[in-house]
Amino acid sequence: MRRLLATALEQHGYAVTAAADGAEGVTLAGTGQFDLVVTDLKLPAASGLDVLEASRGARPDVPVIVLTAHGTVQTAVDAMKMGASDFLEKPVELDDLAALIESHLGGETEALLLEAPGVPPIVGRHPLIRAAAKLAMRVAATESTVLLTGESGTGKELFARAIHAHSARAAGPFVAVNSAALPEQLLENELFGHEKGAFTGAHKRQRGRFEVAQGGTLLLDEVGELGLGIQSKILRVLEERAFERVGGSQTLHADVRLVAATNRNLQVMVERGEFRSDLYFRLEVFPIELPRLRDRASDTPLLVAHLLEGICARLRRPLLVPTPRAGEVLQEQEWPGNVRQLANLLERAAILCESNTLTVADLKGLLAQGAESEGRREVEEALRSAGGDKKEAAAILGVSYRALQRRVKEYDLEGFPKYRG
């Protein structure tokens, strides 16, 4: 295979040096004399990750393409987190490898990922977002349950919509349900519907989201907020593809592809007894972790340009263009609210800026407002996750109890979330 790939790439006009094993690969990659490295993950004498580390240590700018066996895509994604530029599944198609190498050596890679009619594209060139997009494309063609993980604002619903749009169910409905938005009893009714007379005020039969999504995809967002009672009902749908409306006895078939999303660590919740292990394993058939914006900061200029184009068109105003220094300031931010926070700030800028140029002076006030808004959101999320328990919420935020008390008072959140929705 090594000789075949070397010969084929030489025929494409590349100068190729081949390494017989992992140890030789580490030595060669460590010299920093190559424009690109292709390595298998499993090698004798040293692993492909060792080759990757050697190349990154010598020249961090050199692209590294990892070849992976079928079924070990997640391992390749882990390699991309360590700095690999891309991965390719074996058996390797020579044309695919040549095209991949050309994309890394011949120019910039495509910035619009997972495009589909009627669905906002996912934007980025960073290896982490491209790895997630590649996994999404791979699973979209199947009927497998998908678990999207990542912080709030990383684009989980966007990915869910893209998976639906690229699936065989694309002609069917896409239905999203936010599990954190409703109490458990109302959420059960929202998901499964109810029969006439099932409870006071149930004057007619109502279809639930599982029925509305028949033939399509159901996004169960914030799945980590589900109570244990409703978790068992979701598990039954996944195992038996069956459910009943609230107050009904007729068993209905669920022809639905489920995509779940969460910003919480479900594995830790399982260990604490807060989440059913059997449901967790049913949901985690195909996990995709979405990167934080601060972990792909190089994509910020692309996102700013893309978001401003859409925002300004929607507001019917001339395009707002950041100055070079304003662009640098935007890229330097931590963005704890990720792409959503960036989009919100840019929309405020497009409304408030009187000129068509976004300057650093414009950003100062906007960033101060955004920081206060994001700080409040973080405290709300921690209190909601802790069920109002301030000690646990302080632990979630990594601050002292007294510091949390100050922030609760500052944001007028005393008693939250029990006295508010």
Protein backbone atom coordinates (compact mmCIF):
# COMPACT_ATOMS: atom_id res chain seq x y z
CA MET A 1 0.00 0.00 0.00
CA ARG A 2 2.85 2.36 0.86
CA ARG A 3 4.57 1.71 -2.48
CA LEU A 4 1.28 2.03 -4.37
CA LEU A 5 0.44 5.39 -2.81
CA ALA A 6 3.97 6.70 -3.31
CA THR A 7 3.95 5.71 -7.01
CA ALA A 8 0.49 7.19 -7.59
CA LEU A 9 1.38 10.51 -5.93
CA GLU A 10 4.63 10.72 -7.89
CA GLN A 11 2.55 10.33 -11.05
CA HIS A 12 0.54 13.34 -9.85
CA GLY A 13 3.78 15.34 -9.82
CA TYR A 14 4.70 15.20 -6.13
CA ALA A 15 8.14 14.37 -4.71
CA VAL A 16 7.46 11.55 -2.24
CA THR A 17 9.56 10.13 0.60
CA ALA A 18 8.21 6.89 2.09
CA ALA A 19 8.79 5.61 5.64
CA ALA A 20 8.78 1.86 6.28
CA ASP A 21 7.41 2.12 9.84
CA GLY A 22 6.29 4.54 12.52
CA ALA A 23 9.77 5.10 13.94
CA GLU A 24 11.16 6.10 10.54
CA GLY A 25 8.09 8.29 10.02
CA VAL A 26 8.74 10.09 13.31
CA THR A 27 12.36 10.71 12.31
CA LEU A 28 11.48 12.03 8.85
CA ALA A 29 8.55 14.16 10.02
CA GLY A 30 10.74 15.62 12.74
CA THR A 31 13.13 17.09 10.16
CA GLY A 32 10.48 19.58 9.05
CA GLN A 33 11.54 19.32 5.41
CA PHE A 34 8.15 18.23 3.99
CA ASP A 35 5.21 20.30 2.75
CA LEU A 36 2.65 17.65 3.76
CA VAL A 37 2.57 14.38 5.72
CA VAL A 38 0.31 11.36 5.11
CA THR A 39 0.29 8.76 7.88
CA ASP A 40 -1.70 5.72 8.85
CA LEU A 41 -2.89 5.64 12.46
CA LYS A 42 -1.69 2.11 13.21
CA LEU A 43 1.96 1.57 12.38
CA PRO A 44 4.71 -0.72 13.65
CA ALA A 45 7.41 0.74 15.93
CA ALA A 46 5.47 3.98 16.57
CA SER A 47 1.91 5.18 16.01
CA GLY A 48 0.55 7.66 13.50
CA LEU A 49 -0.13 10.00 16.43
CA ASP A 50 3.61 9.96 17.16
CA VAL A 51 4.27 10.93 13.54
CA LEU A 52 1.70 13.72 13.87
CA GLU A 53 3.31 14.99 17.06
CA ALA A 54 6.77 14.97 15.46
CA SER A 55 5.54 16.90 12.43
CA ARG A 56 3.67 19.43 14.55
CA GLY A 57 6.74 19.88 16.74
CA ALA A 58 8.99 20.56 13.77
CA ARG A 59 6.59 22.64 11.65
CA PRO A 60 3.09 23.34 13.02
CA ASP A 61 2.00 24.79 9.64
CA VAL A 62 2.52 21.51 7.73
CA PRO A 63 -0.79 19.71 6.96
CA VAL A 64 -1.00 16.13 8.26
CA ILE A 65 -3.54 13.74 6.67
CA VAL A 66 -4.42 10.67 8.73
CA LEU A 67 -5.54 7.39 7.15
CA THR A 68 -7.91 5.39 9.32
CA ALA A 69 -9.53 1.97 9.15
CA HIS A 70 -13.28 1.72 8.62
CA GLY A 71 -15.17 2.20 11.88
CA THR A 72 -12.43 4.16 13.65
CA VAL A 73 -13.46 7.62 12.44
CA GLN A 74 -13.72 8.91 16.01
CA THR A 75 -10.04 8.08 16.54
CA ALA A 76 -9.21 10.14 13.48
CA VAL A 77 -11.25 13.02 14.88
CA ASP A 78 -9.22 12.75 18.08
CA ALA A 79 -6.12 13.06 15.90
CA MET A 80 -7.55 16.21 14.36
CA LYS A 81 -7.97 17.64 17.84
CA MET A 82 -4.21 17.10 18.21
CA GLY A 83 -3.59 19.10 15.04
CA ALA A 84 -4.15 16.77 12.09
CA SER A 85 -5.58 18.60 9.09
CA ASP A 86 -7.84 15.91 7.69
CA PHE A 87 -8.54 12.19 7.60
CA LEU A 88 -9.42 9.62 4.96
CA GLU A 89 -10.98 6.21 5.52
CA LYS A 90 -9.39 3.06 4.09
CA PRO A 91 -9.51 1.54 1.56
CA VAL A 92 -8.12 4.73 0.09
CA GLU A 93 -9.34 5.93 -3.30
CA LEU A 94 -6.31 7.45 -5.04
CA ASP A 95 -8.35 10.25 -6.62
CA ASP A 96 -9.78 11.18 -3.20
CA LEU A 97 -6.31 11.31 -1.65
CA ALA A 98 -4.92 13.36 -4.53
CA ALA A 99 -7.83 15.82 -4.30
CA LEU A 100 -7.35 16.12 -0.53
CA ILE A 101 -3.63 16.80 -0.92
CA GLU A 102 -4.35 19.35 -3.64
CA SER A 103 -6.85 21.14 -1.39
CA HIS A 104 -4.17 21.54 1.28
CA LEU A 105 -1.23 22.38 -0.98
CA GLY A 106 -2.96 24.05 -3.92
CA GLY A 107 -4.99 26.66 -2.08
CA GLU A 108 -7.42 27.33 0.73
CA THR A 109 -10.03 24.69 1.51
CA GLU A 110 -13.73 25.42 1.01
CA ALA A 111 -15.17 27.59 3.79
CA LEU A 112 -18.86 26.72 3.31
CA LEU A 113 -19.57 23.28 4.76
CA LEU A 114 -22.77 21.19 4.64
CA GLU A 115 -24.64 23.42 2.22
CA ALA A 116 -28.23 22.45 1.41
CA PRO A 117 -31.26 24.31 0.01
CA GLY A 118 -33.13 26.16 2.72
CA VAL A 119 -30.52 25.44 5.41
CA PRO A 120 -27.96 28.05 6.56
CA PRO A 121 -24.48 26.74 5.66
CA ILE A 122 -21.93 25.81 8.28
CA VAL A 123 -18.92 28.08 7.83
CA GLY A 124 -15.29 27.35 8.67
CA ARG A 125 -11.95 25.99 7.53
CA HIS A 126 -10.57 24.87 10.89
CA PRO A 127 -9.85 21.11 11.10
CA LEU A 128 -12.17 20.70 14.11
CA ILE A 129 -15.26 22.08 12.37
CA ARG A 130 -14.40 20.26 9.14
CA ALA A 131 -14.06 17.00 11.09
CA ALA A 132 -17.50 17.53 12.63
CA ALA A 133 -18.98 18.36 9.22
CA LYS A 134 -17.40 15.25 7.70
CA LEU A 135 -18.92 13.07 10.42
CA ALA A 136 -22.30 14.73 9.89
CA MET A 137 -22.19 14.01 6.16
CA ARG A 138 -21.24 10.41 6.85
CA VAL A 139 -24.10 9.75 9.27
CA ALA A 140 -26.70 11.79 7.37
CA ALA A 141 -27.26 9.03 4.80
CA THR A 142 -28.09 6.51 7.54
CA GLU A 143 -31.01 6.14 9.96
CA SER A 144 -28.72 6.16 13.00
CA THR A 145 -29.49 8.24 16.07
CA VAL A 146 -27.07 11.16 16.41
CA LEU A 147 -25.91 12.88 19.61
CA LEU A 148 -24.62 16.42 19.08
CA THR A 149 -22.56 17.74 21.99
CA GLY A 150 -20.95 21.10 22.61
CA GLU A 151 -21.41 24.40 24.40
CA SER A 152 -24.45 26.60 23.82
CA GLY A 153 -24.13 28.57 20.61
CA THR A 154 -21.84 26.14 18.77
CA GLY A 155 -24.46 25.36 16.12
CA LYS A 156 -26.08 22.11 17.25
CA GLU A 157 -29.46 22.89 15.67
CA LEU A 158 -27.70 24.01 12.49
CA PHE A 159 -25.92 20.65 12.31
CA ALA A 160 -29.17 18.80 13.01
CA ARG A 161 -30.88 20.65 10.15
CA ALA A 162 -27.95 19.89 7.83
CA ILE A 163 -28.06 16.18 8.74
CA HIS A 164 -31.78 16.15 7.97
CA ALA A 165 -31.30 18.01 4.67
CA HIS A 166 -28.69 15.50 3.49
CA SER A 167 -30.69 12.45 4.56
CA ALA A 168 -33.25 10.27 2.77
CA ARG A 169 -35.84 12.02 4.99
CA ALA A 170 -35.11 15.47 3.57
CA ALA A 171 -38.58 15.69 2.00
CA GLY A 172 -40.17 15.03 5.40
CA PRO A 173 -40.57 17.50 8.27
CA PHE A 174 -37.81 18.72 10.56
CA VAL A 175 -39.20 19.31 14.06
CA ALA A 176 -37.21 20.76 16.99
CA VAL A 177 -38.15 20.52 20.67
CA ASN A 178 -36.27 22.31 23.46
CA SER A 179 -36.38 19.98 26.47
CA ALA A 180 -35.41 22.78 28.88
CA ALA A 181 -38.24 25.10 27.86
CA LEU A 182 -41.12 23.16 29.46
CA PRO A 183 -41.85 21.35 32.76
CA GLU A 184 -41.88 17.55 32.46
CA GLN A 185 -45.69 17.14 32.33
CA LEU A 186 -46.06 19.74 29.59
CA LEU A 187 -43.07 18.32 27.73
CA GLU A 188 -44.66 14.85 27.70
CA ASN A 189 -47.79 16.36 26.18
CA GLU A 190 -45.66 18.32 23.68
CA LEU A 191 -43.78 15.21 22.56
CA PHE A 192 -46.55 12.61 22.52
CA GLY A 193 -49.77 14.63 22.23
CA HIS A 194 -52.98 13.93 24.12
CA GLU A 195 -56.48 12.55 23.66
CA LYS A 196 -59.63 14.62 24.15
CA GLY A 197 -60.50 14.70 27.85
CA ALA A 198 -57.04 13.47 28.96
CA PHE A 199 -56.90 16.34 31.46
CA THR A 200 -58.73 19.54 32.33
CA GLY A 201 -58.72 21.79 29.30
CA ALA A 202 -58.06 18.99 26.80
CA HIS A 203 -61.08 19.82 24.63
CA LYS A 204 -59.77 18.04 21.56
CA ARG A 205 -57.12 15.55 20.47
CA GLN A 206 -53.70 17.06 19.88
CA ARG A 207 -50.83 15.51 17.98
CA GLY A 208 -47.42 15.53 19.62
CA ARG A 209 -44.08 16.31 18.01
CA PHE A 210 -43.35 12.63 17.32
CA GLU A 211 -46.49 12.50 15.19
CA VAL A 212 -45.79 15.84 13.51
CA ALA A 213 -42.27 14.63 12.63
CA GLN A 214 -43.47 11.37 11.00
CA GLY A 215 -41.30 10.56 8.00
CA GLY A 216 -38.77 13.19 9.03
CA THR A 217 -36.34 14.14 11.78
CA LEU A 218 -36.97 15.16 15.39
CA LEU A 219 -34.33 17.25 17.16
CA LEU A 220 -34.52 16.76 20.92
CA ASP A 221 -32.51 19.75 22.09
CA GLU A 222 -31.13 20.12 25.63
CA VAL A 223 -31.72 16.38 26.17
CA GLY A 224 -29.73 16.57 29.42
CA GLU A 225 -32.62 18.52 30.97
CA LEU A 226 -35.10 15.61 30.60
CA GLY A 227 -36.55 14.23 33.84
CA LEU A 228 -36.07 10.53 34.59
CA GLY A 229 -39.77 9.83 34.03
CA ILE A 230 -39.87 11.09 30.48
CA GLN A 231 -36.48 9.55 29.74
CA SER A 232 -38.08 6.10 29.99
CA LYS A 233 -40.71 7.08 27.43
CA ILE A 234 -38.06 8.37 25.02
CA LEU A 235 -36.17 5.10 25.50
CA ARG A 236 -39.26 3.13 24.53
CA VAL A 237 -39.62 5.14 21.32
CA LEU A 238 -36.00 4.38 20.42
CA GLU A 239 -36.27 0.67 21.26
CA GLU A 240 -39.78 -0.15 20.04
CA ARG A 241 -40.61 2.77 17.73
CA ALA A 242 -43.93 3.02 19.61
CA PHE A 243 -45.73 5.43 21.96
CA GLU A 244 -49.20 6.44 23.17
CA ARG A 245 -50.75 9.88 23.45
CA VAL A 246 -51.35 11.16 26.99
CA GLY A 247 -54.67 9.66 28.13
CA GLY A 248 -54.80 7.26 25.20
CA SER A 249 -54.52 3.50 24.80
CA GLN A 250 -53.84 3.27 21.07
CA THR A 251 -50.20 2.43 20.32
CA LEU A 252 -48.77 4.61 17.55
CA HIS A 253 -45.74 3.90 15.38
CA ALA A 254 -42.91 6.45 15.40
CA ASP A 255 -41.36 6.71 11.94
CA VAL A 256 -38.88 9.34 13.08
CA ARG A 257 -35.11 9.78 12.96
CA LEU A 258 -33.95 11.19 16.31
CA VAL A 259 -31.14 13.69 16.69
CA ALA A 260 -30.38 14.66 20.30
CA ALA A 261 -28.32 17.65 21.41
CA THR A 262 -26.89 18.73 24.75
CA ASN A 263 -24.37 21.10 26.29
CA ARG A 264 -24.05 18.85 29.36
CA ASN A 265 -21.81 15.86 30.03
CA LEU A 266 -24.31 12.99 29.90
CA GLN A 267 -21.72 10.44 31.00
CA VAL A 268 -21.18 12.34 34.26
CA MET A 269 -24.96 12.63 34.68
CA VAL A 270 -25.24 8.85 34.28
CA GLU A 271 -22.64 8.34 37.02
CA ARG A 272 -24.65 10.67 39.31
CA GLY A 273 -27.89 8.83 38.59
CA GLU A 274 -29.36 11.89 36.84
CA PHE A 275 -29.59 10.28 33.42
CA ARG A 276 -30.54 6.72 32.46
CA SER A 277 -27.55 4.73 31.26
CA ASP A 278 -29.68 2.70 28.81
CA LEU A 279 -31.00 5.89 27.20
CA TYR A 280 -27.49 7.35 27.09
CA PHE A 281 -26.16 4.36 25.17
CA ARG A 282 -29.14 4.52 22.80
CA LEU A 283 -28.49 8.20 22.09
CA GLU A 284 -24.74 7.87 21.74
CA VAL A 285 -24.89 5.68 18.63
CA PHE A 286 -23.04 8.35 16.67
CA PRO A 287 -21.70 11.25 18.75
CA ILE A 288 -20.45 14.45 17.11
CA GLU A 289 -18.70 17.04 19.26
CA LEU A 290 -18.96 20.62 18.00
CA PRO A 291 -15.96 22.85 18.73
CA ARG A 292 -16.11 26.07 20.72
CA LEU A 293 -15.48 29.24 18.73
CA ARG A 294 -12.40 30.01 20.84
CA ASP A 295 -10.96 26.64 19.76
CA ARG A 296 -11.29 27.63 16.09
CA ALA A 297 -10.56 31.34 16.39
CA SER A 298 -9.01 31.37 12.90
CA ASP A 299 -12.56 30.95 11.55
CA THR A 300 -13.79 34.17 13.19
CA PRO A 301 -13.09 36.44 10.17
CA LEU A 302 -14.97 34.02 7.90
CA LEU A 303 -17.92 33.94 10.30
CA VAL A 304 -17.95 37.72 10.71
CA ALA A 305 -18.10 38.24 6.93
CA HIS A 306 -20.75 35.56 6.46
CA LEU A 307 -22.93 36.71 9.37
CA LEU A 308 -22.74 40.41 8.48
CA GLU A 309 -23.78 39.68 4.90
CA GLY A 310 -26.94 37.92 6.10
CA ILE A 311 -27.69 40.39 8.90
CA CYS A 312 -27.31 43.48 6.70
CA ALA A 313 -29.47 41.93 3.97
CA ARG A 314 -32.17 41.14 6.53
CA LEU A 315 -32.01 44.67 7.99
CA ARG A 316 -31.97 46.16 4.48
CA ARG A 317 -28.95 48.27 5.17
CA PRO A 318 -25.59 48.59 3.34
CA LEU A 319 -22.97 46.00 4.19
CA LEU A 320 -21.11 46.75 7.45
CA VAL A 321 -17.37 46.06 7.09
CA PRO A 322 -14.98 45.84 10.11
CA THR A 323 -11.70 47.71 9.98
CA PRO A 324 -8.62 45.44 10.09
CA ARG A 325 -8.06 46.25 13.78
CA ALA A 326 -11.74 45.67 14.61
CA GLY A 327 -11.46 42.30 12.90
CA GLU A 328 -8.44 41.47 15.07
CA VAL A 329 -10.34 42.49 18.23
CA LEU A 330 -13.25 40.23 17.26
CA GLN A 331 -10.86 37.32 16.70
CA GLU A 332 -9.15 37.90 20.07
CA GLN A 333 -12.38 37.55 22.09
CA GLU A 334 -13.15 34.40 24.10
CA TRP A 335 -16.81 34.27 22.96
CA PRO A 336 -18.20 32.10 25.79
CA GLY A 337 -21.55 32.17 23.98
CA ASN A 338 -19.80 31.00 20.79
CA VAL A 339 -21.19 31.78 17.31
CA ARG A 340 -24.59 32.81 18.72
CA GLN A 341 -22.96 35.48 20.88
CA LEU A 342 -20.89 36.72 17.92
CA ALA A 343 -24.01 36.89 15.73
CA ASN A 344 -25.94 38.83 18.38
CA LEU A 345 -23.14 41.37 18.74
CA LEU A 346 -22.87 41.85 14.98
CA GLU A 347 -26.62 42.40 14.70
CA ARG A 348 -26.48 45.10 17.39
CA ALA A 349 -23.56 46.65 15.50
CA ALA A 350 -25.48 46.63 12.22
CA ILE A 351 -28.41 48.41 13.91
CA LEU A 352 -26.39 50.97 15.88
CA CYS A 353 -23.52 51.87 13.51
CA GLU A 354 -24.35 54.97 11.48
CA SER A 355 -21.51 54.46 9.02
CA ASN A 356 -20.75 51.35 6.99
CA THR A 357 -17.49 50.72 8.84
CA LEU A 358 -17.26 48.86 12.17
CA THR A 359 -14.44 50.33 14.25
CA VAL A 360 -12.76 49.38 17.52
CA ALA A 361 -14.55 52.33 19.18
CA ASP A 362 -17.88 50.83 18.08
CA LEU A 363 -16.89 47.46 19.48
CA LYS A 364 -15.95 48.67 22.97
CA GLY A 365 -19.50 49.50 24.03
CA LEU A 366 -20.96 46.48 22.26
CA LEU A 367 -18.52 44.07 23.90
CA ALA A 368 -19.27 45.52 27.36
CA GLN A 369 -23.02 44.97 26.82
CA GLY A 370 -22.37 41.48 25.49
CA ALA A 371 -20.21 40.53 28.47
CA GLU A 372 -22.97 41.52 30.92
CA SER A 373 -25.61 39.63 28.93
CA GLU A 374 -23.41 36.55 28.65
CA GLY A 375 -22.57 36.66 32.37
CA ARG A 376 -26.25 36.61 33.23
CA ARG A 377 -26.88 33.72 30.84
CA GLU A 378 -24.07 31.67 32.42
CA VAL A 379 -25.49 32.16 35.93
CA GLU A 380 -29.01 31.29 34.71
CA GLU A 381 -27.77 28.09 33.05
CA ALA A 382 -25.83 27.04 36.16
CA LEU A 383 -28.81 27.68 38.46
CA ARG A 384 -31.13 25.85 36.08
CA SER A 385 -28.77 22.84 35.88
CA ALA A 386 -28.47 22.81 39.67
CA GLY A 387 -32.24 23.09 40.18
CA GLY A 388 -31.75 26.36 42.05
CA ASP A 389 -29.12 24.92 44.44
CA LYS A 390 -26.60 27.77 44.73
CA LYS A 391 -23.77 25.65 46.14
CA GLU A 392 -24.00 23.27 43.20
CA ALA A 393 -24.36 26.18 40.77
CA ALA A 394 -21.22 27.78 42.21
CA ALA A 395 -19.37 24.48 41.69
CA ILE A 396 -20.59 24.33 38.07
CA LEU A 397 -19.29 27.86 37.45
CA GLY A 398 -16.06 27.22 39.34
CA VAL A 399 -16.58 30.18 41.69
CA SER A 400 -17.09 30.54 45.44
CA TYR A 401 -20.56 30.54 46.96
CA ARG A 402 -20.09 34.18 47.99
CA ALA A 403 -19.08 35.18 44.44
CA LEU A 404 -22.17 33.49 43.07
CA GLN A 405 -24.35 35.30 45.63
CA ARG A 406 -22.99 38.63 44.37
CA ARG A 407 -23.77 37.71 40.76
CA VAL A 408 -27.27 36.49 41.66
CA LYS A 409 -27.96 39.83 43.33
CA GLU A 410 -26.40 41.79 40.46
CA TYR A 411 -28.57 40.04 37.85
CA ASP A 412 -31.72 39.95 40.05
CA LEU A 413 -31.88 36.13 39.96
CA GLU A 414 -32.83 35.41 43.54
CA GLY A 415 -35.10 32.36 43.53
CA PHE A 416 -34.33 31.51 39.89
CA PRO A 417 -35.43 29.24 38.22
CA LYS A 418 -38.32 28.26 40.52
CA TYR A 419 -40.22 31.52 40.41
CA ARG A 420 -39.68 32.05 36.69
CA GLY A 421 -40.10 29.93 33.57
